[in-house]
Amino acid sequence: MVVLGVLAMAALVGWLYLAFGHGGFWKAGPPLPPGTDPPGWPDVVAVVPARDEAAVLPDTLPTLLEQHYPGDFRVILVDDGSSDGTAETAKRLAGERPNFRIVGARNRPDGWAGKVWAMSEGVRAAGEPEFLLFTDADIAYAPGTVTNLVRAATSEERTLVSQMATLSTRTGWERLLVPAFVYFFAQLYPFRRVTRDGTRTAAAAGGCMLVRRTALAHAGGLTAIKGALIDDVALGRLIKRNGGRCRLDLSRDVVSRRPYPNFSGLWAMVARSAYHQLRYSPALLAGTVLTLLLMYAAPPAATLAGLTGLALGTDNAALTAATGALAWTIMTATYTPMLRFYGLAPLRALTLPLVALMYAAMTIDSARRHRTGKGGAWKGRTAP
């Protein structure tokens, strides 16, 4: 009981910091500000890396092509060795639109991650626009989104404006795991800290990243992050490290149409890059798993053990139960806004400790996959 009480107290201190001193990571907003129209609308080229995306393109590509941006707007889809007719599907959807082009990615050089190489092939074909919009093939855009992104970038003088897409929560597994995925991402990279100048916190969301082309080139271009499996965070860090001003928001106007209908698909999504995020360090892996156990498992364990101890008359049971319950309450309260963003019942927040344990298992499995030479596996390719 004493050990559980100490662990619960440590977790409570941690949750008090996260709730009140960690950049308001748990707040699902604010939305992208309206901004003001620039004197002249800059040229924008959207780069869409696509590998075996024929199934999802009908739900996404038309929303990008029909943006009605006031300035010059072009879309380049990079066919990255697809075997499912991705290029043919894209050509059929685009029709005779003069602002659309398909580029076949050349053979990937050693040391390059597949997606980053495809992005760089799009940049090579884009020419010299003022802005590049890196977006995924599964992303659908609400009307006017590109215009709003450019307004924010020009009126706030931002180098990088990124929107985290709303992910699918149609299946039971998605409803259980997806809001937590976004919640944990925001905990690692509080959006307000990313946006605030002078902080070291830097990140982006890969589904939608509007970046100034000259600033990217000045920072070393995509070559500087060529091996990154988590290309969005790497790009955000690259831009901010080189003096750029970043903005990151959670968006309802940018929506992922990629389904994860079963548990194995969601597991693979996390396990693909979790160990890469930890820089392939066993020490960081151990520290991450222990931290997850302390912060998420200890509070409910202390609460339940303390209540049981109260019934049995165990010493320190009341303090242990109260400390654990308070930590669990704060944890639940910080998760509730994310559930509401996704239109889910706040009572689901009580399951967060279980979900966190599942993410800890995914992280351990990510390390196992790396050790067995299967790290970063995605659509038939492994990490470089």
Protein backbone atom coordinates (compact mmCIF):
# COMPACT_ATOMS: atom_id res chain seq x y z
CA MET A 1 0.00 0.00 0.00
CA VAL A 2 2.86 2.35 0.80
CA VAL A 3 4.52 1.70 -2.55
CA LEU A 4 1.28 2.28 -4.41
CA GLY A 5 0.74 5.47 -2.45
CA VAL A 6 4.17 6.77 -3.43
CA LEU A 7 3.59 5.89 -7.10
CA ALA A 8 0.17 7.55 -7.02
CA MET A 9 1.65 10.70 -5.51
CA ALA A 10 4.34 10.80 -8.21
CA ALA A 11 1.65 10.35 -10.87
CA LEU A 12 -0.45 13.11 -9.31
CA VAL A 13 2.47 15.53 -9.45
CA GLY A 14 2.97 14.59 -13.09
CA TRP A 15 -0.70 15.13 -13.96
CA LEU A 16 -0.82 18.47 -12.18
CA TYR A 17 2.09 19.60 -14.34
CA LEU A 18 0.54 18.24 -17.54
CA ALA A 19 -2.81 19.86 -16.82
CA PHE A 20 -1.56 23.30 -15.82
CA GLY A 21 2.01 23.68 -17.08
CA HIS A 22 2.31 21.80 -20.35
CA GLY A 23 1.04 24.26 -22.92
CA GLY A 24 -2.63 23.38 -22.59
CA PHE A 25 -1.96 20.29 -24.71
CA TRP A 26 -5.38 18.88 -23.91
CA LYS A 27 -7.33 21.76 -25.47
CA ALA A 28 -8.76 20.74 -28.85
CA GLY A 29 -8.38 24.13 -30.52
CA PRO A 30 -8.42 26.99 -31.26
CA PRO A 31 -9.34 26.68 -34.96
CA LEU A 32 -7.27 28.28 -37.67
CA PRO A 33 -7.82 32.08 -37.49
CA PRO A 34 -9.53 33.69 -40.51
CA GLY A 35 -6.56 35.90 -41.40
CA THR A 36 -6.61 38.63 -44.04
CA ASP A 37 -6.22 38.45 -47.79
CA PRO A 38 -2.67 39.08 -49.03
CA PRO A 39 -2.08 41.93 -51.53
CA GLY A 40 -1.41 39.28 -54.17
CA TRP A 41 -2.20 35.59 -53.84
CA PRO A 42 1.03 33.55 -53.96
CA ASP A 43 1.48 30.49 -56.15
CA VAL A 44 0.84 27.17 -54.38
CA VAL A 45 1.73 23.67 -55.54
CA ALA A 46 0.26 20.70 -53.69
CA VAL A 47 2.50 17.62 -53.62
CA VAL A 48 0.69 14.32 -53.06
CA PRO A 49 2.94 11.27 -52.55
CA ALA A 50 0.87 8.19 -53.38
CA ARG A 51 1.68 4.50 -53.20
CA ASP A 52 -1.18 2.07 -53.87
CA GLU A 53 -3.89 4.64 -53.11
CA ALA A 54 -6.39 3.90 -55.90
CA ALA A 55 -9.11 2.94 -53.42
CA VAL A 56 -9.06 6.19 -51.46
CA LEU A 57 -8.35 8.75 -54.20
CA PRO A 58 -11.99 9.07 -55.38
CA ASP A 59 -12.87 10.41 -51.92
CA THR A 60 -9.95 12.81 -51.65
CA LEU A 61 -8.34 14.00 -54.87
CA PRO A 62 -11.44 15.85 -56.18
CA THR A 63 -11.64 17.86 -52.93
CA LEU A 64 -8.11 19.12 -53.55
CA LEU A 65 -8.62 19.84 -57.23
CA GLU A 66 -11.82 21.80 -56.52
CA GLN A 67 -10.36 24.22 -53.98
CA HIS A 68 -11.01 27.36 -56.12
CA TYR A 69 -7.92 29.08 -54.72
CA PRO A 70 -7.75 32.78 -55.81
CA GLY A 71 -4.16 32.49 -57.02
CA ASP A 72 -2.28 29.97 -59.13
CA PHE A 73 -2.81 26.48 -57.65
CA ARG A 74 -1.43 23.27 -59.08
CA VAL A 75 -1.51 19.67 -57.88
CA ILE A 76 1.27 17.14 -58.48
CA LEU A 77 0.59 13.52 -57.60
CA VAL A 78 3.76 11.47 -57.26
CA ASP A 79 3.10 7.83 -58.13
CA ASP A 80 5.55 6.02 -55.86
CA GLY A 81 5.78 2.60 -57.49
CA SER A 82 2.09 1.76 -57.16
CA SER A 83 0.80 -1.60 -58.38
CA ASP A 84 -2.94 -0.96 -58.03
CA GLY A 85 -3.55 1.56 -60.80
CA THR A 86 -3.09 4.67 -58.66
CA ALA A 87 -1.89 6.79 -61.60
CA GLU A 88 -4.73 5.64 -63.86
CA THR A 89 -7.31 6.37 -61.15
CA ALA A 90 -5.87 9.83 -60.55
CA LYS A 91 -5.84 10.60 -64.27
CA ARG A 92 -9.47 9.58 -64.59
CA LEU A 93 -10.52 11.70 -61.61
CA ALA A 94 -8.62 14.78 -62.79
CA GLY A 95 -9.87 14.61 -66.36
CA GLU A 96 -8.48 17.41 -68.49
CA ARG A 97 -7.70 19.79 -65.64
CA PRO A 98 -4.68 21.87 -66.66
CA ASN A 99 -3.54 22.33 -63.05
CA PHE A 100 -2.95 18.62 -62.43
CA ARG A 101 0.08 16.50 -63.20
CA ILE A 102 1.20 12.96 -62.41
CA VAL A 103 4.90 12.30 -61.82
CA GLY A 104 6.41 8.84 -61.54
CA ALA A 105 8.97 8.65 -58.72
CA ARG A 106 12.42 7.59 -59.81
CA ASN A 107 14.19 4.75 -58.02
CA ARG A 108 14.66 5.59 -54.36
CA PRO A 109 18.33 6.21 -53.45
CA ASP A 110 19.88 4.53 -50.43
CA GLY A 111 19.23 6.31 -47.17
CA TRP A 112 15.90 7.86 -48.18
CA ALA A 113 12.59 6.99 -46.57
CA GLY A 114 10.00 6.17 -49.20
CA LYS A 115 7.55 8.98 -48.49
CA VAL A 116 10.23 11.66 -48.16
CA TRP A 117 11.73 10.59 -51.47
CA ALA A 118 8.32 10.84 -53.14
CA MET A 119 7.84 14.29 -51.61
CA SER A 120 11.23 15.38 -52.97
CA GLU A 121 10.25 14.14 -56.44
CA GLY A 122 7.19 16.36 -56.22
CA VAL A 123 9.30 19.33 -55.18
CA ARG A 124 11.61 18.71 -58.12
CA ALA A 125 8.66 18.86 -60.49
CA ALA A 126 6.97 21.83 -58.82
CA GLY A 127 9.20 24.60 -60.14
CA GLU A 128 9.44 27.69 -57.98
CA PRO A 129 6.09 28.40 -56.28
CA GLU A 130 6.04 30.51 -53.14
CA PHE A 131 4.33 27.74 -51.17
CA LEU A 132 4.41 23.96 -51.23
CA LEU A 133 1.48 22.05 -49.75
CA PHE A 134 2.58 18.57 -48.71
CA THR A 135 -0.53 16.44 -48.30
CA ASP A 136 -1.32 12.73 -48.12
CA ALA A 137 -3.40 10.85 -50.65
CA ASP A 138 -6.00 9.95 -48.01
CA ILE A 139 -6.72 13.58 -47.04
CA ALA A 140 -9.95 15.34 -48.04
CA TYR A 141 -10.28 19.13 -47.89
CA ALA A 142 -13.31 21.26 -47.12
CA PRO A 143 -13.95 24.04 -49.68
CA GLY A 144 -11.71 27.06 -49.12
CA THR A 145 -9.17 25.27 -46.91
CA VAL A 146 -6.14 26.05 -49.07
CA THR A 147 -7.19 29.71 -49.18
CA ASN A 148 -7.46 29.78 -45.39
CA LEU A 149 -4.04 28.15 -44.99
CA VAL A 150 -2.44 30.79 -47.21
CA ARG A 151 -4.27 33.59 -45.39
CA ALA A 152 -2.87 32.32 -42.07
CA ALA A 153 0.64 31.93 -43.46
CA THR A 154 0.77 35.40 -45.03
CA SER A 155 -1.09 37.42 -42.39
CA GLU A 156 0.87 35.83 -39.51
CA GLU A 157 4.13 35.61 -41.49
CA ARG A 158 4.36 31.87 -40.87
CA THR A 159 6.93 29.64 -42.54
CA LEU A 160 4.94 26.49 -41.93
CA VAL A 161 1.20 26.09 -41.33
CA SER A 162 0.03 22.57 -40.58
CA GLN A 163 -3.37 21.10 -39.83
CA MET A 164 -3.78 17.78 -38.04
CA ALA A 165 -6.51 15.94 -39.90
CA THR A 166 -9.60 14.55 -38.24
CA LEU A 167 -9.10 10.78 -38.34
CA SER A 168 -11.68 8.08 -38.90
CA THR A 169 -13.65 6.86 -35.87
CA ARG A 170 -16.25 4.74 -37.64
CA THR A 171 -15.32 1.36 -36.15
CA GLY A 172 -15.15 0.32 -32.53
CA TRP A 173 -11.38 -0.05 -32.55
CA GLU A 174 -11.00 3.38 -34.16
CA ARG A 175 -13.21 4.97 -31.51
CA LEU A 176 -11.12 3.34 -28.79
CA LEU A 177 -7.65 4.10 -30.12
CA VAL A 178 -7.73 7.05 -32.55
CA PRO A 179 -8.65 9.91 -30.15
CA ALA A 180 -5.92 8.66 -27.82
CA PHE A 181 -3.42 8.70 -30.70
CA VAL A 182 -4.10 12.40 -31.28
CA TYR A 183 -4.14 13.06 -27.52
CA PHE A 184 -0.71 11.45 -27.07
CA PHE A 185 0.65 13.35 -30.07
CA ALA A 186 -0.55 16.63 -28.57
CA GLN A 187 0.97 15.65 -25.25
CA LEU A 188 4.35 15.15 -26.91
CA TYR A 189 4.02 18.28 -29.07
CA PRO A 190 1.59 20.76 -27.49
CA PHE A 191 0.11 22.69 -30.40
CA ARG A 192 0.33 26.03 -28.62
CA ARG A 193 4.03 25.53 -27.90
CA VAL A 194 4.67 24.60 -31.52
CA THR A 195 2.95 27.82 -32.58
CA ARG A 196 4.63 30.02 -29.98
CA ASP A 197 7.86 31.72 -31.10
CA GLY A 198 10.94 31.13 -28.98
CA THR A 199 10.04 27.60 -27.85
CA ARG A 200 11.95 24.49 -28.82
CA THR A 201 8.81 22.43 -29.36
CA ALA A 202 8.42 21.79 -33.07
CA ALA A 203 6.22 19.45 -35.07
CA ALA A 204 3.74 19.28 -37.92
CA ALA A 205 1.01 16.93 -39.08
CA GLY A 206 1.95 15.15 -42.29
CA GLY A 207 -1.50 15.16 -43.84
CA CYS A 208 -1.44 18.91 -44.39
CA MET A 209 1.75 21.01 -44.31
CA LEU A 210 1.93 24.35 -46.13
CA VAL A 211 5.56 25.53 -46.22
CA ARG A 212 7.41 28.38 -47.90
CA ARG A 213 9.58 26.85 -50.60
CA THR A 214 12.53 29.22 -50.17
CA ALA A 215 12.61 28.66 -46.40
CA LEU A 216 12.63 24.91 -46.92
CA ALA A 217 15.48 25.22 -49.41
CA HIS A 218 17.40 27.49 -47.02
CA ALA A 219 17.05 24.88 -44.27
CA GLY A 220 18.61 22.22 -46.48
CA GLY A 221 15.53 20.96 -48.27
CA LEU A 222 14.06 17.52 -47.83
CA THR A 223 17.56 16.09 -48.13
CA ALA A 224 18.07 17.24 -44.53
CA ILE A 225 15.35 14.81 -43.35
CA LYS A 226 15.73 12.15 -46.04
CA GLY A 227 15.73 9.18 -43.67
CA ALA A 228 12.86 10.33 -41.46
CA LEU A 229 10.01 7.88 -40.96
CA ILE A 230 8.10 10.54 -39.04
CA ASP A 231 8.53 13.14 -41.75
CA ASP A 232 6.06 15.68 -40.34
CA VAL A 233 7.79 16.08 -36.98
CA ALA A 234 11.16 16.10 -38.73
CA LEU A 235 10.00 18.85 -41.11
CA GLY A 236 8.62 20.96 -38.27
CA ARG A 237 11.90 20.66 -36.37
CA LEU A 238 13.92 21.49 -39.47
CA ILE A 239 11.91 24.64 -40.17
CA LYS A 240 11.87 25.90 -36.57
CA ARG A 241 15.53 25.09 -35.98
CA ASN A 242 16.38 27.34 -38.92
CA GLY A 243 14.41 30.31 -37.62
CA GLY A 244 11.05 29.57 -39.20
CA ARG A 245 7.71 30.36 -37.58
CA CYS A 246 5.35 27.39 -37.34
CA ARG A 247 1.67 26.93 -36.67
CA LEU A 248 -0.05 23.62 -35.85
CA ASP A 249 -3.78 23.17 -35.28
CA LEU A 250 -6.34 20.40 -34.99
CA SER A 251 -8.73 20.71 -37.91
CA ARG A 252 -12.24 19.68 -38.94
CA ASP A 253 -11.64 21.02 -42.47
CA VAL A 254 -8.89 18.49 -43.18
CA VAL A 255 -10.16 14.91 -42.89
CA SER A 256 -8.44 11.57 -43.34
CA ARG A 257 -10.43 9.08 -45.37
CA ARG A 258 -8.11 6.19 -44.58
CA PRO A 259 -10.02 3.50 -42.70
CA TYR A 260 -8.54 1.26 -40.04
CA PRO A 261 -11.34 -1.32 -39.82
CA ASN A 262 -9.49 -3.77 -37.61
CA PHE A 263 -7.17 -3.79 -34.65
CA SER A 264 -4.18 -5.08 -36.58
CA GLY A 265 -4.19 -2.08 -38.92
CA LEU A 266 -4.14 0.39 -36.05
CA TRP A 267 -1.45 -1.62 -34.29
CA ALA A 268 0.72 -1.60 -37.41
CA MET A 269 0.26 2.17 -37.84
CA VAL A 270 1.71 2.84 -34.38
CA ALA A 271 4.31 0.07 -34.35
CA ARG A 272 5.69 1.21 -37.70
CA SER A 273 7.34 4.35 -36.30
CA ALA A 274 7.16 4.33 -32.48
CA TYR A 275 10.68 3.01 -31.95
CA HIS A 276 11.99 5.43 -34.58
CA GLN A 277 10.45 8.24 -32.50
CA LEU A 278 12.58 6.96 -29.59
CA ARG A 279 15.69 7.12 -31.79
CA TYR A 280 16.06 3.33 -31.56
CA SER A 281 17.25 3.70 -27.96
CA PRO A 282 16.60 0.82 -25.51
CA ALA A 283 17.00 3.30 -22.65
CA LEU A 284 14.34 5.63 -24.07
CA LEU A 285 12.11 2.64 -24.72
CA ALA A 286 12.39 1.50 -21.11
CA GLY A 287 11.83 5.03 -19.84
CA THR A 288 8.76 5.50 -22.04
CA VAL A 289 7.14 2.25 -20.97
CA LEU A 290 7.83 2.92 -17.28
CA THR A 291 6.45 6.45 -17.61
CA LEU A 292 3.28 5.15 -19.24
CA LEU A 293 2.86 2.64 -16.42
CA LEU A 294 3.40 5.31 -13.77
CA MET A 295 1.19 7.99 -15.29
CA TYR A 296 -1.66 5.85 -16.58
CA ALA A 297 -1.67 2.54 -14.68
CA ALA A 298 -0.68 3.66 -11.19
CA PRO A 299 -3.64 6.03 -10.53
CA PRO A 300 -6.43 3.49 -11.14
CA ALA A 301 -4.43 0.74 -9.45
CA ALA A 302 -3.91 2.92 -6.38
CA THR A 303 -7.57 3.95 -6.37
CA LEU A 304 -8.87 0.39 -6.47
CA ALA A 305 -6.29 -0.95 -4.03
CA GLY A 306 -6.94 1.93 -1.64
CA LEU A 307 -10.70 1.35 -1.69
CA THR A 308 -10.13 -2.34 -1.05
CA GLY A 309 -7.77 -1.47 1.77
CA LEU A 310 -10.36 0.85 3.31
CA ALA A 311 -12.81 -2.04 3.51
CA LEU A 312 -10.14 -4.17 5.17
CA GLY A 313 -8.91 -1.44 7.51
CA THR A 314 -5.41 -1.21 5.98
CA ASP A 315 -3.17 1.67 7.05
CA ASN A 316 -2.73 4.54 4.55
CA ALA A 317 -5.52 3.12 2.39
CA ALA A 318 -7.56 6.32 2.43
CA LEU A 319 -4.63 8.50 1.36
CA THR A 320 -3.65 6.05 -1.37
CA ALA A 321 -7.21 5.91 -2.70
CA ALA A 322 -7.64 9.69 -2.61
CA THR A 323 -4.29 10.36 -4.32
CA GLY A 324 -4.93 7.81 -7.03
CA ALA A 325 -8.47 9.03 -7.60
CA LEU A 326 -7.37 12.66 -7.94
CA ALA A 327 -4.66 11.73 -10.47
CA TRP A 328 -7.16 9.60 -12.39
CA THR A 329 -9.68 12.45 -12.34
CA ILE A 330 -7.19 14.92 -13.82
CA MET A 331 -6.18 12.36 -16.45
CA THR A 332 -9.81 11.84 -17.38
CA ALA A 333 -10.54 15.56 -17.49
CA THR A 334 -7.66 16.24 -19.88
CA TYR A 335 -8.81 13.49 -22.26
CA THR A 336 -12.46 14.56 -22.37
CA PRO A 337 -12.02 17.52 -24.80
CA MET A 338 -10.45 15.20 -27.39
CA LEU A 339 -13.35 12.78 -27.09
CA ARG A 340 -15.79 15.64 -27.53
CA PHE A 341 -13.91 16.82 -30.61
CA TYR A 342 -14.54 13.38 -32.10
CA GLY A 343 -18.17 13.37 -30.95
CA LEU A 344 -17.66 10.55 -28.46
CA ALA A 345 -19.06 10.11 -24.95
CA PRO A 346 -16.91 11.63 -22.17
CA LEU A 347 -17.30 8.41 -20.15
CA ARG A 348 -14.87 6.82 -22.60
CA ALA A 349 -12.14 8.82 -20.86
CA LEU A 350 -12.21 6.26 -18.04
CA THR A 351 -10.71 3.72 -20.46
CA LEU A 352 -7.60 5.82 -21.10
CA PRO A 353 -5.39 3.77 -18.70
CA LEU A 354 -6.20 0.61 -20.66
CA VAL A 355 -5.59 2.36 -23.98
CA ALA A 356 -2.25 3.68 -22.71
CA LEU A 357 -1.18 0.14 -21.82
CA MET A 358 -2.07 -0.94 -25.35
CA TYR A 359 0.09 1.86 -26.77
CA ALA A 360 2.93 0.76 -24.49
CA ALA A 361 2.62 -2.75 -25.95
CA MET A 362 2.64 -1.30 -29.49
CA THR A 363 5.82 0.62 -28.68
CA ILE A 364 7.51 -2.53 -27.37
CA ASP A 365 6.41 -4.36 -30.51
CA SER A 366 7.87 -1.55 -32.63
CA ALA A 367 11.26 -2.20 -31.02
CA ARG A 368 10.84 -5.95 -31.62
CA ARG A 369 10.09 -5.34 -35.28
CA HIS A 370 13.18 -3.20 -35.62
CA ARG A 371 15.33 -5.89 -34.01
CA THR A 372 14.01 -8.48 -36.45
CA GLY A 373 14.59 -6.30 -39.50
CA LYS A 374 10.93 -5.40 -40.03
CA GLY A 375 11.04 -1.87 -38.67
CA GLY A 376 9.12 0.81 -40.55
CA ALA A 377 7.34 -1.72 -42.73
CA TRP A 378 4.67 0.01 -44.81
CA LYS A 379 3.06 -1.11 -48.08
CA GLY A 380 5.74 -3.63 -48.84
CA ARG A 381 8.74 -1.52 -47.86
CA THR A 382 10.83 -1.33 -44.73
CA ALA A 383 12.78 1.55 -43.27
CA PRO A 384 16.02 2.54 -45.02
